[in-house]
């Protein structure tokens, strides 16, 4: 859809269109740029989602390792068997 002759600020128009798309459950492709086929943008976005999932997994593992390291560095209380 050509939007060149719409009397609206581009930022406001983008906000309204994005809100409308979300209300109707339309998939939003963050990596899409003007003039590019949407299929190409979808293909490019899929690896980003996989990386995001791996990043979350790694953050969880690092948090657990940091917690374990902190627990090891806490001195044992007196009278407590180890």
Protein backbone atom coordinates (compact mmCIF):
# COMPACT_ATOMS: atom_id res chain seq x y z
CA UNK A 1 0.00 0.00 0.00
CA UNK A 2 1.48 3.35 -0.98
CA UNK A 3 1.40 5.86 1.86
CA UNK A 4 3.09 8.81 0.19
CA UNK A 5 0.02 11.04 0.11
CA UNK A 6 -1.28 10.41 3.62
CA UNK A 7 -1.37 13.57 5.70
CA UNK A 8 0.22 12.10 8.80
CA UNK A 9 3.58 12.15 10.51
CA UNK A 10 5.51 8.95 9.71
CA UNK A 11 6.18 8.11 13.37
CA UNK A 12 2.52 8.48 14.32
CA UNK A 13 1.42 6.45 11.31
CA UNK A 14 3.88 3.69 12.19
CA UNK A 15 2.63 3.57 15.79
CA UNK A 16 -0.99 3.33 14.66
CA UNK A 17 -0.29 0.67 12.05
CA UNK A 18 1.78 -1.37 14.51
CA UNK A 19 -1.00 -1.17 17.11
CA UNK A 20 -3.55 -2.23 14.50
CA UNK A 21 -1.37 -5.16 13.40
CA UNK A 22 -0.91 -6.32 17.00
CA UNK A 23 -4.67 -6.09 17.66
CA UNK A 24 -5.33 -8.42 14.73
CA UNK A 25 -2.46 -10.79 15.56
CA UNK A 26 -0.44 -9.98 12.45
CA UNK A 27 3.18 -11.13 12.61
CA UNK A 28 5.56 -8.18 12.86
CA UNK A 29 8.97 -8.55 11.24
CA UNK A 30 11.53 -6.28 12.89
CA UNK A 31 14.20 -6.82 10.23
CA UNK A 32 12.06 -5.84 7.25
CA UNK A 33 13.14 -2.83 5.21
CA UNK A 34 11.30 -0.98 2.46
CA UNK A 35 11.49 -2.68 -0.92
CA UNK A 36 12.50 -6.06 0.47
CA UNK A 37 10.34 -9.17 0.02
CA UNK A 38 8.68 -10.07 3.33
CA UNK A 39 9.74 -13.72 2.88
CA UNK A 40 13.39 -12.67 2.97
CA UNK A 41 12.80 -10.68 6.15
CA UNK A 42 11.10 -13.71 7.77
CA UNK A 43 14.06 -15.93 6.82
CA UNK A 44 16.50 -13.43 8.29
CA UNK A 45 14.52 -13.08 11.52
CA UNK A 46 14.33 -16.81 12.32
CA UNK A 47 18.04 -17.16 13.24
CA UNK A 48 17.70 -14.12 15.53
CA UNK A 49 14.90 -15.84 17.45
CA UNK A 50 17.00 -19.00 17.81
CA UNK A 51 19.94 -16.93 19.08
CA UNK A 52 17.68 -15.13 21.55
CA UNK A 53 16.50 -18.47 22.97
CA UNK A 54 20.11 -19.70 23.32
CA UNK A 55 21.10 -16.43 24.98
CA UNK A 56 18.34 -16.82 27.57
CA UNK A 57 19.46 -20.40 28.21
CA UNK A 58 23.09 -19.31 28.66
CA UNK A 59 22.09 -16.49 31.04
CA UNK A 60 20.22 -19.03 33.16
CA UNK A 61 23.25 -21.34 33.27
CA UNK A 62 25.58 -18.47 34.19
CA UNK A 63 23.24 -17.35 36.96
CA UNK A 64 23.24 -20.87 38.43
CA UNK A 65 27.04 -21.05 38.22
CA UNK A 66 27.39 -17.66 39.92
CA UNK A 67 25.02 -18.73 42.68
CA UNK A 68 26.96 -21.96 43.21
CA UNK A 69 30.26 -20.03 43.33
CA UNK A 70 28.81 -17.61 45.90
CA UNK A 71 27.57 -20.48 48.07
CA UNK A 72 31.03 -22.09 48.00
CA UNK A 73 32.71 -18.85 49.06
CA UNK A 74 30.49 -18.43 52.16
CA UNK A 75 32.41 -19.77 55.20
CA UNK A 76 30.79 -22.66 57.06
CA UNK A 77 29.18 -21.78 60.39
CA UNK A 78 30.89 -22.94 63.59
CA UNK A 79 29.66 -26.27 64.92
CA UNK A 80 28.25 -27.25 61.58
CA UNK A 81 29.43 -30.52 60.07
CA UNK A 82 30.64 -30.41 56.51
